């Protein structure tokens, strides 16, 4: 009888511990994930990259044309060939996936991925060796490491570089952890102080064909801009299966029997 009671107590402990184990999950747009009695679906939202004034100045000085890469949407104020040049550039890219962990009560987001981006086309002038091109697309933000990864596609022999550490993030504002509640959950975050990595900087120089004059201009940029994201998901708590209730009942029964035995 002692052996049976011990087994029941162990079963109860496993039931209790199961709710505390964190699971690593990824939610894709148009899909759903279910874990520990919760289903999350309905992923919508976008991340908007706002070019910094220093980056706009470099694009204007080097006469680099900027265009969108679908499904991202580019919003531009000003025209490159006008005296004022670019005054504002924002690229809004749809969120394609969220990755994180769930311990039964709290969701912690660790990564966000988006689709599309922006392309840069350079022309022969005092900053460049000739026509060059660089695509920056499909960003993946690692919130823990504070790094933005991207796919880069460039001219001048650069080709395609996947999963490039593009920028480091100086600051992240807004919540990245949430208590599980039923219904829509919306998070607004801002990533500021984007600093280009040495690896990505080399790819920029190669793809665009930058000469010494342009190199000095690019090297002077200490902040490439900021990313603001608004993301919504919908959470639903599932009704436990009868087998789950039975297992919980077995566990509670084991604890009850032990308690009664101790009293006697």
C-alpha atoms as a PDB file:
ATOM      1  CA  UNK A   1       0.000   0.000   0.000  1.00  0.00           C
ATOM      2  CA  UNK A   2       2.885   2.362   0.770  1.00  0.00           C
ATOM      3  CA  UNK A   3       4.247   1.801  -2.747  1.00  0.00           C
ATOM      4  CA  UNK A   4       0.865   2.616  -4.334  1.00  0.00           C
ATOM      5  CA  UNK A   5       0.469   5.763  -2.271  1.00  0.00           C
ATOM      6  CA  UNK A   6       3.955   6.929  -3.236  1.00  0.00           C
ATOM      7  CA  UNK A   7       3.135   6.398  -6.905  1.00  0.00           C
ATOM      8  CA  UNK A   8      -0.050   8.444  -6.563  1.00  0.00           C
ATOM      9  CA  UNK A   9       1.853  11.266  -4.890  1.00  0.00           C
ATOM     10  CA  UNK A  10       4.454  11.217  -7.685  1.00  0.00           C
ATOM     11  CA  UNK A  11       1.649  11.370 -10.254  1.00  0.00           C
ATOM     12  CA  UNK A  12       0.189  14.400  -8.502  1.00  0.00           C
ATOM     13  CA  UNK A  13       3.603  16.076  -8.484  1.00  0.00           C
ATOM     14  CA  UNK A  14       3.972  15.542 -12.226  1.00  0.00           C
ATOM     15  CA  UNK A  15       0.539  17.088 -12.822  1.00  0.00           C
ATOM     16  CA  UNK A  16       1.514  20.158 -10.796  1.00  0.00           C
ATOM     17  CA  UNK A  17       4.932  20.443 -12.420  1.00  0.00           C
ATOM     18  CA  UNK A  18       3.488  20.149 -15.916  1.00  0.00           C
ATOM     19  CA  UNK A  19       1.846  23.551 -15.603  1.00  0.00           C
ATOM     20  CA  UNK A  20       5.130  25.191 -14.663  1.00  0.00           C
ATOM     21  CA  UNK A  21       7.259  23.821 -17.510  1.00  0.00           C
ATOM     22  CA  UNK A  22       7.954  26.488 -20.128  1.00  0.00           C
ATOM     23  CA  UNK A  23       7.445  25.440 -23.743  1.00  0.00           C
ATOM     24  CA  UNK A  24       9.199  27.106 -26.700  1.00  0.00           C
ATOM     25  CA  UNK A  25       6.620  27.933 -29.361  1.00  0.00           C
ATOM     26  CA  UNK A  26       6.368  29.713 -32.723  1.00  0.00           C
ATOM     27  CA  UNK A  27       3.149  31.278 -34.008  1.00  0.00           C
ATOM     28  CA  UNK A  28       2.997  31.919 -37.755  1.00  0.00           C
ATOM     29  CA  UNK A  29       0.606  34.329 -39.445  1.00  0.00           C
ATOM     30  CA  UNK A  30      -2.520  32.437 -40.456  1.00  0.00           C
ATOM     31  CA  UNK A  31      -1.739  29.588 -38.058  1.00  0.00           C
ATOM     32  CA  UNK A  32      -2.258  28.694 -34.402  1.00  0.00           C
ATOM     33  CA  UNK A  33      -0.419  27.039 -31.529  1.00  0.00           C
ATOM     34  CA  UNK A  34      -1.899  25.110 -28.605  1.00  0.00           C
ATOM     35  CA  UNK A  35      -0.092  24.408 -25.370  1.00  0.00           C
ATOM     36  CA  UNK A  36      -1.047  23.769 -21.727  1.00  0.00           C
ATOM     37  CA  UNK A  37      -4.741  24.371 -22.301  1.00  0.00           C
ATOM     38  CA  UNK A  38      -4.355  27.566 -24.370  1.00  0.00           C
ATOM     39  CA  UNK A  39      -4.668  28.227 -28.092  1.00  0.00           C
ATOM     40  CA  UNK A  40      -3.166  31.373 -29.642  1.00  0.00           C
ATOM     41  CA  UNK A  41      -4.013  32.455 -33.192  1.00  0.00           C
ATOM     42  CA  UNK A  42      -4.897  35.490 -35.301  1.00  0.00           C
ATOM     43  CA  UNK A  43      -1.413  36.972 -35.569  1.00  0.00           C
ATOM     44  CA  UNK A  44      -1.557  40.421 -37.194  1.00  0.00           C
ATOM     45  CA  UNK A  45       0.593  43.529 -37.107  1.00  0.00           C
ATOM     46  CA  UNK A  46       3.641  45.168 -38.600  1.00  0.00           C
ATOM     47  CA  UNK A  47       7.054  46.554 -37.766  1.00  0.00           C
ATOM     48  CA  UNK A  48       7.822  50.011 -39.131  1.00  0.00           C
ATOM     49  CA  UNK A  49      11.425  51.058 -39.701  1.00  0.00           C
ATOM     50  CA  UNK A  50      11.939  54.831 -39.581  1.00  0.00           C
ATOM     51  CA  UNK A  51      15.201  55.987 -41.185  1.00  0.00           C
ATOM     52  CA  UNK A  52      17.277  58.299 -38.973  1.00  0.00           C
ATOM     53  CA  UNK A  53      18.131  61.871 -40.104  1.00  0.00           C
ATOM     54  CA  UNK A  54      21.789  60.818 -40.460  1.00  0.00           C
ATOM     55  CA  UNK A  55      20.875  57.922 -42.743  1.00  0.00           C
ATOM     56  CA  UNK A  56      18.595  60.175 -44.815  1.00  0.00           C
ATOM     57  CA  UNK A  57      21.456  62.648 -45.168  1.00  0.00           C
ATOM     58  CA  UNK A  58      23.786  59.928 -46.451  1.00  0.00           C
ATOM     59  CA  UNK A  59      21.206  58.694 -48.971  1.00  0.00           C
ATOM     60  CA  UNK A  60      20.677  62.245 -50.226  1.00  0.00           C
ATOM     61  CA  UNK A  61      24.410  62.977 -50.444  1.00  0.00           C
ATOM     62  CA  UNK A  62      25.116  59.810 -52.425  1.00  0.00           C
ATOM     63  CA  UNK A  63      21.921  60.115 -54.543  1.00  0.00           C
ATOM     64  CA  UNK A  64      20.753  56.627 -53.591  1.00  0.00           C
ATOM     65  CA  UNK A  65      17.238  55.780 -54.745  1.00  0.00           C
ATOM     66  CA  UNK A  66      15.087  53.837 -52.236  1.00  0.00           C
ATOM     67  CA  UNK A  67      12.178  51.583 -53.257  1.00  0.00           C
ATOM     68  CA  UNK A  68       9.999  49.071 -51.438  1.00  0.00           C
ATOM     69  CA  UNK A  69      10.228  45.300 -51.481  1.00  0.00           C
ATOM     70  CA  UNK A  70       6.752  43.766 -51.211  1.00  0.00           C
ATOM     71  CA  UNK A  71       4.897  43.007 -49.035  1.00  0.00           C
ATOM     72  CA  UNK A  72       6.480  45.879 -47.080  1.00  0.00           C
ATOM     73  CA  UNK A  73       4.996  49.330 -47.718  1.00  0.00           C
ATOM     74  CA  UNK A  74       7.309  52.318 -48.124  1.00  0.00           C
ATOM     75  CA  UNK A  75       6.205  55.838 -47.168  1.00  0.00           C
ATOM     76  CA  UNK A  76       8.496  58.611 -48.432  1.00  0.00           C
ATOM     77  CA  UNK A  77       8.372  62.338 -47.856  1.00  0.00           C
ATOM     78  CA  UNK A  78      10.459  64.395 -50.277  1.00  0.00           C
ATOM     79  CA  UNK A  79      12.052  63.461 -53.572  1.00  0.00           C
ATOM     80  CA  UNK A  80      15.655  62.437 -54.075  1.00  0.00           C
ATOM     81  CA  UNK A  81      16.292  64.793 -57.010  1.00  0.00           C
ATOM     82  CA  UNK A  82      14.688  67.830 -55.394  1.00  0.00           C
ATOM     83  CA  UNK A  83      16.877  70.281 -53.407  1.00  0.00           C
ATOM     84  CA  UNK A  84      15.395  69.103 -50.114  1.00  0.00           C
ATOM     85  CA  UNK A  85      15.898  65.420 -50.958  1.00  0.00           C
ATOM     86  CA  UNK A  86      14.433  62.720 -48.749  1.00  0.00           C
ATOM     87  CA  UNK A  87      12.869  64.177 -45.622  1.00  0.00           C
ATOM     88  CA  UNK A  88      11.372  61.004 -44.189  1.00  0.00           C
ATOM     89  CA  UNK A  89      11.369  57.303 -45.112  1.00  0.00           C
ATOM     90  CA  UNK A  90       9.376  54.630 -43.298  1.00  0.00           C
ATOM     91  CA  UNK A  91       9.122  50.966 -44.262  1.00  0.00           C
ATOM     92  CA  UNK A  92       6.199  49.036 -42.729  1.00  0.00           C
ATOM     93  CA  UNK A  93       6.673  45.255 -42.984  1.00  0.00           C
ATOM     94  CA  UNK A  94       3.987  42.721 -41.972  1.00  0.00           C
ATOM     95  CA  UNK A  95       4.789  40.407 -39.079  1.00  0.00           C
ATOM     96  CA  UNK A  96       5.064  36.792 -40.224  1.00  0.00           C
ATOM     97  CA  UNK A  97       5.863  34.992 -36.971  1.00  0.00           C
ATOM     98  CA  UNK A  98       6.366  35.278 -33.217  1.00  0.00           C
ATOM     99  CA  UNK A  99       8.565  32.980 -31.156  1.00  0.00           C
ATOM    100  CA  UNK A 100       8.702  32.713 -27.395  1.00  0.00           C
ATOM    101  CA  UNK A 101       8.037  30.601 -24.338  1.00  0.00           C
ATOM    102  CA  UNK A 102       4.909  29.786 -22.295  1.00  0.00           C
ATOM    103  CA  UNK A 103       4.918  28.413 -18.745  1.00  0.00           C
ATOM    104  CA  UNK A 104       1.146  27.996 -18.424  1.00  0.00           C
ATOM    105  CA  UNK A 105       0.474  31.518 -17.160  1.00  0.00           C
ATOM    106  CA  UNK A 106       2.989  33.876 -18.816  1.00  0.00           C
ATOM    107  CA  UNK A 107       3.994  34.301 -22.453  1.00  0.00           C
ATOM    108  CA  UNK A 108       7.468  35.748 -23.117  1.00  0.00           C
ATOM    109  CA  UNK A 109       8.205  36.857 -26.687  1.00  0.00           C
ATOM    110  CA  UNK A 110      11.812  36.298 -27.778  1.00  0.00           C
ATOM    111  CA  UNK A 111      11.745  36.796 -31.573  1.00  0.00           C
ATOM    112  CA  UNK A 112       9.678  38.643 -34.179  1.00  0.00           C
ATOM    113  CA  UNK A 113       9.994  38.126 -37.943  1.00  0.00           C
ATOM    114  CA  UNK A 114       8.716  40.317 -40.791  1.00  0.00           C
ATOM    115  CA  UNK A 115       8.537  40.047 -44.595  1.00  0.00           C
ATOM    116  CA  UNK A 116       9.673  42.458 -47.291  1.00  0.00           C
ATOM    117  CA  UNK A 117      11.875  45.497 -46.862  1.00  0.00           C
ATOM    118  CA  UNK A 118      13.618  48.210 -48.885  1.00  0.00           C
ATOM    119  CA  UNK A 119      15.987  48.287 -51.858  1.00  0.00           C
ATOM    120  CA  UNK A 120      18.700  50.868 -52.503  1.00  0.00           C
ATOM    121  CA  UNK A 121      19.981  51.709 -55.981  1.00  0.00           C
ATOM    122  CA  UNK A 122      23.176  53.749 -56.346  1.00  0.00           C
ATOM    123  CA  UNK A 123      24.549  55.598 -59.375  1.00  0.00           C
ATOM    124  CA  UNK A 124      27.974  56.768 -60.519  1.00  0.00           C
ATOM    125  CA  UNK A 125      29.057  59.911 -58.641  1.00  0.00           C
ATOM    126  CA  UNK A 126      31.789  61.099 -56.311  1.00  0.00           C
ATOM    127  CA  UNK A 127      30.708  58.678 -53.599  1.00  0.00           C
ATOM    128  CA  UNK A 128      30.402  55.503 -55.686  1.00  0.00           C
ATOM    129  CA  UNK A 129      32.373  53.464 -58.187  1.00  0.00           C
ATOM    130  CA  UNK A 130      29.323  52.958 -60.379  1.00  0.00           C
ATOM    131  CA  UNK A 131      25.886  51.432 -60.316  1.00  0.00           C
ATOM    132  CA  UNK A 132      25.309  49.428 -57.168  1.00  0.00           C
ATOM    133  CA  UNK A 133      22.357  47.854 -55.427  1.00  0.00           C
ATOM    134  CA  UNK A 134      21.438  46.484 -52.035  1.00  0.00           C
ATOM    135  CA  UNK A 135      18.235  44.848 -50.775  1.00  0.00           C
ATOM    136  CA  UNK A 136      17.489  44.682 -47.054  1.00  0.00           C
ATOM    137  CA  UNK A 137      14.570  42.385 -46.329  1.00  0.00           C
ATOM    138  CA  UNK A 138      12.942  39.778 -44.086  1.00  0.00           C
ATOM    139  CA  UNK A 139      14.022  41.164 -40.725  1.00  0.00           C
ATOM    140  CA  UNK A 140      14.189  38.926 -37.655  1.00  0.00           C
ATOM    141  CA  UNK A 141      14.448  40.642 -34.284  1.00  0.00           C
ATOM    142  CA  UNK A 142      16.104  38.741 -31.431  1.00  0.00           C
ATOM    143  CA  UNK A 143      14.737  40.598 -28.406  1.00  0.00           C
ATOM    144  CA  UNK A 144      16.963  38.794 -25.927  1.00  0.00           C
ATOM    145  CA  UNK A 145      20.238  39.425 -27.729  1.00  0.00           C
ATOM    146  CA  UNK A 146      19.044  42.855 -28.982  1.00  0.00           C
ATOM    147  CA  UNK A 147      20.067  42.108 -32.557  1.00  0.00           C
ATOM    148  CA  UNK A 148      18.183  42.626 -35.833  1.00  0.00           C
ATOM    149  CA  UNK A 149      18.981  39.988 -38.463  1.00  0.00           C
ATOM    150  CA  UNK A 150      18.168  40.340 -42.175  1.00  0.00           C
ATOM    151  CA  UNK A 151      18.661  38.932 -45.640  1.00  0.00           C
ATOM    152  CA  UNK A 152      20.920  41.131 -47.778  1.00  0.00           C
ATOM    153  CA  UNK A 153      21.085  40.898 -51.573  1.00  0.00           C
ATOM    154  CA  UNK A 154      23.642  43.074 -53.316  1.00  0.00           C
ATOM    155  CA  UNK A 155      25.538  43.867 -56.498  1.00  0.00           C
ATOM    156  CA  UNK A 156      29.293  43.905 -57.109  1.00  0.00           C
ATOM    157  CA  UNK A 157      29.639  40.212 -56.322  1.00  0.00           C
ATOM    158  CA  UNK A 158      27.853  40.365 -52.969  1.00  0.00           C
ATOM    159  CA  UNK A 159      25.018  38.011 -53.919  1.00  0.00           C
ATOM    160  CA  UNK A 160      22.623  36.821 -51.217  1.00  0.00           C
ATOM    161  CA  UNK A 161      23.586  36.808 -47.546  1.00  0.00           C
ATOM    162  CA  UNK A 162      21.029  35.211 -45.238  1.00  0.00           C
ATOM    163  CA  UNK A 163      20.652  35.725 -41.518  1.00  0.00           C
ATOM    164  CA  UNK A 164      23.097  38.647 -41.344  1.00  0.00           C
ATOM    165  CA  UNK A 165      23.419  40.415 -37.982  1.00  0.00           C
ATOM    166  CA  UNK A 166      22.418  43.824 -39.347  1.00  0.00           C
ATOM    167  CA  UNK A 167      21.916  46.143 -36.358  1.00  0.00           C
ATOM    168  CA  UNK A 168      22.322  46.022 -32.618  1.00  0.00           C
ATOM    169  CA  UNK A 169      19.491  47.569 -30.569  1.00  0.00           C
ATOM    170  CA  UNK A 170      20.294  50.119 -27.877  1.00  0.00           C
ATOM    171  CA  UNK A 171      16.893  50.110 -26.182  1.00  0.00           C
ATOM    172  CA  UNK A 172      13.606  48.185 -26.251  1.00  0.00           C
ATOM    173  CA  UNK A 173      10.498  49.847 -24.820  1.00  0.00           C
ATOM    174  CA  UNK A 174       7.111  48.228 -24.300  1.00  0.00           C
ATOM    175  CA  UNK A 175       6.224  44.848 -22.747  1.00  0.00           C
ATOM    176  CA  UNK A 176       7.587  41.588 -24.101  1.00  0.00           C
ATOM    177  CA  UNK A 177       5.913  39.337 -21.489  1.00  0.00           C
ATOM    178  CA  UNK A 178       2.163  38.899 -20.977  1.00  0.00           C
ATOM    179  CA  UNK A 179      -0.148  37.078 -18.585  1.00  0.00           C
ATOM    180  CA  UNK A 180      -2.365  34.640 -20.483  1.00  0.00           C
ATOM    181  CA  UNK A 181      -5.901  36.037 -20.735  1.00  0.00           C
ATOM    182  CA  UNK A 182      -8.719  35.188 -23.114  1.00  0.00           C
ATOM    183  CA  UNK A 183      -9.324  37.491 -26.039  1.00  0.00           C
ATOM    184  CA  UNK A 184      -7.144  39.799 -28.145  1.00  0.00           C
ATOM    185  CA  UNK A 185      -3.746  40.873 -26.792  1.00  0.00           C
ATOM    186  CA  UNK A 186      -1.984  43.839 -28.406  1.00  0.00           C
ATOM    187  CA  UNK A 187       1.607  44.890 -27.803  1.00  0.00           C
ATOM    188  CA  UNK A 188       3.291  48.096 -28.942  1.00  0.00           C
ATOM    189  CA  UNK A 189       7.091  48.151 -28.830  1.00  0.00           C
ATOM    190  CA  UNK A 190       9.803  50.518 -29.989  1.00  0.00           C
ATOM    191  CA  UNK A 191      13.377  49.526 -30.769  1.00  0.00           C
ATOM    192  CA  UNK A 192      15.682  52.532 -30.783  1.00  0.00           C
ATOM    193  CA  UNK A 193      19.373  53.188 -31.392  1.00  0.00           C
ATOM    194  CA  UNK A 194      19.979  50.833 -34.331  1.00  0.00           C
ATOM    195  CA  UNK A 195      23.744  50.528 -34.817  1.00  0.00           C
ATOM    196  CA  UNK A 196      25.110  48.700 -37.849  1.00  0.00           C
ATOM    197  CA  UNK A 197      27.456  45.759 -37.264  1.00  0.00           C
ATOM    198  CA  UNK A 198      30.901  45.600 -38.869  1.00  0.00           C
ATOM    199  CA  UNK A 199      29.834  42.583 -40.967  1.00  0.00           C
ATOM    200  CA  UNK A 200      26.771  44.350 -42.351  1.00  0.00           C
ATOM    201  CA  UNK A 201      28.730  47.561 -42.934  1.00  0.00           C
ATOM    202  CA  UNK A 202      31.147  45.684 -45.174  1.00  0.00           C
ATOM    203  CA  UNK A 203      28.246  44.274 -47.175  1.00  0.00           C
ATOM    204  CA  UNK A 204      26.757  47.782 -47.547  1.00  0.00           C
ATOM    205  CA  UNK A 205      30.049  49.094 -48.926  1.00  0.00           C
ATOM    206  CA  UNK A 206      30.414  46.198 -51.359  1.00  0.00           C
ATOM    207  CA  UNK A 207      26.832  46.078 -52.623  1.00  0.00           C
ATOM    208  CA  UNK A 208      26.517  49.815 -53.183  1.00  0.00           C
ATOM    209  CA  UNK A 209      30.091  50.245 -54.452  1.00  0.00           C
ATOM    210  CA  UNK A 210      31.007  53.023 -52.037  1.00  0.00           C
ATOM    211  CA  UNK A 211      34.222  55.047 -52.509  1.00  0.00           C
ATOM    212  CA  UNK A 212      36.251  56.767 -49.780  1.00  0.00           C
ATOM    213  CA  UNK A 213      34.072  59.879 -49.707  1.00  0.00           C
ATOM    214  CA  UNK A 214      30.924  57.838 -49.207  1.00  0.00           C
ATOM    215  CA  UNK A 215      32.729  55.571 -46.768  1.00  0.00           C
ATOM    216  CA  UNK A 216      33.439  58.504 -44.456  1.00  0.00           C
ATOM    217  CA  UNK A 217      29.801  59.580 -44.671  1.00  0.00           C
ATOM    218  CA  UNK A 218      28.499  56.119 -43.799  1.00  0.00           C
ATOM    219  CA  UNK A 219      31.021  55.694 -40.997  1.00  0.00           C
ATOM    220  CA  UNK A 220      29.700  58.866 -39.387  1.00  0.00           C
ATOM    221  CA  UNK A 221      26.227  57.344 -38.943  1.00  0.00           C
ATOM    222  CA  UNK A 222      25.890  56.212 -35.333  1.00  0.00           C
ATOM    223  CA  UNK A 223      22.116  55.627 -35.427  1.00  0.00           C
ATOM    224  CA  UNK A 224      20.308  54.099 -38.406  1.00  0.00           C
ATOM    225  CA  UNK A 225      16.820  54.695 -37.010  1.00  0.00           C
ATOM    226  CA  UNK A 226      14.114  52.952 -35.002  1.00  0.00           C
ATOM    227  CA  UNK A 227      11.518  50.197 -35.391  1.00  0.00           C
ATOM    228  CA  UNK A 228       7.991  50.534 -33.989  1.00  0.00           C
ATOM    229  CA  UNK A 229       5.835  47.419 -33.927  1.00  0.00           C
ATOM    230  CA  UNK A 230       2.152  46.875 -33.187  1.00  0.00           C
ATOM    231  CA  UNK A 231       1.236  43.199 -32.888  1.00  0.00           C
ATOM    232  CA  UNK A 232      -2.055  41.512 -31.953  1.00  0.00           C
ATOM    233  CA  UNK A 233      -2.877  37.869 -31.194  1.00  0.00           C
ATOM    234  CA  UNK A 234      -5.993  36.182 -29.805  1.00  0.00           C
ATOM    235  CA  UNK A 235      -5.810  33.691 -26.936  1.00  0.00           C
ATOM    236  CA  UNK A 236      -8.449  31.082 -26.080  1.00  0.00           C
ATOM    237  CA  UNK A 237      -8.443  28.824 -23.043  1.00  0.00           C
ATOM    238  CA  UNK A 238      -9.488  25.271 -23.873  1.00  0.00           C
ATOM    239  CA  UNK A 239     -11.823  23.183 -21.717  1.00  0.00           C
ATOM    240  CA  UNK A 240      -9.742  20.362 -20.165  1.00  0.00           C
ATOM    241  CA  UNK A 241     -10.306  16.886 -21.562  1.00  0.00           C
ATOM    242  CA  UNK A 242     -12.065  14.348 -19.267  1.00  0.00           C
ATOM    243  CA  UNK A 243      -8.785  12.421 -19.077  1.00  0.00           C
ATOM    244  CA  UNK A 244      -7.092  15.527 -17.677  1.00  0.00           C
ATOM    245  CA  UNK A 245      -9.698  15.822 -14.938  1.00  0.00           C
ATOM    246  CA  UNK A 246      -9.244  12.103 -14.175  1.00  0.00           C
ATOM    247  CA  UNK A 247      -5.468  12.473 -13.861  1.00  0.00           C
ATOM    248  CA  UNK A 248      -5.865  15.479 -11.593  1.00  0.00           C
ATOM    249  CA  UNK A 249      -8.363  13.506  -9.524  1.00  0.00           C
ATOM    250  CA  UNK A 250      -5.916  10.638  -9.136  1.00  0.00           C
ATOM    251  CA  UNK A 251      -3.251  13.035  -7.966  1.00  0.00           C
ATOM    252  CA  UNK A 252      -5.523  14.751  -5.454  1.00  0.00           C
ATOM    253  CA  UNK A 253      -6.755  11.380  -4.212  1.00  0.00           C
ATOM    254  CA  UNK A 254      -3.178  10.317  -3.565  1.00  0.00           C
ATOM    255  CA  UNK A 255      -2.479  13.459  -1.562  1.00  0.00           C
ATOM    256  CA  UNK A 256      -5.727  13.014   0.393  1.00  0.00           C
ATOM    257  CA  UNK A 257      -4.965   9.394   1.278  1.00  0.00           C
ATOM    258  CA  UNK A 258      -1.509  10.303   2.511  1.00  0.00           C
ATOM    259  CA  UNK A 259      -2.923  13.074   4.665  1.00  0.00           C
ATOM    260  CA  UNK A 260      -5.583  10.757   6.192  1.00  0.00           C
ATOM    261  CA  UNK A 261      -2.991   8.083   6.864  1.00  0.00           C
ATOM    262  CA  UNK A 262      -0.762  10.564   8.686  1.00  0.00           C
ATOM    263  CA  UNK A 263      -3.704  11.697  10.865  1.00  0.00           C
ATOM    264  CA  UNK A 264      -4.444   8.119  11.882  1.00  0.00           C
END
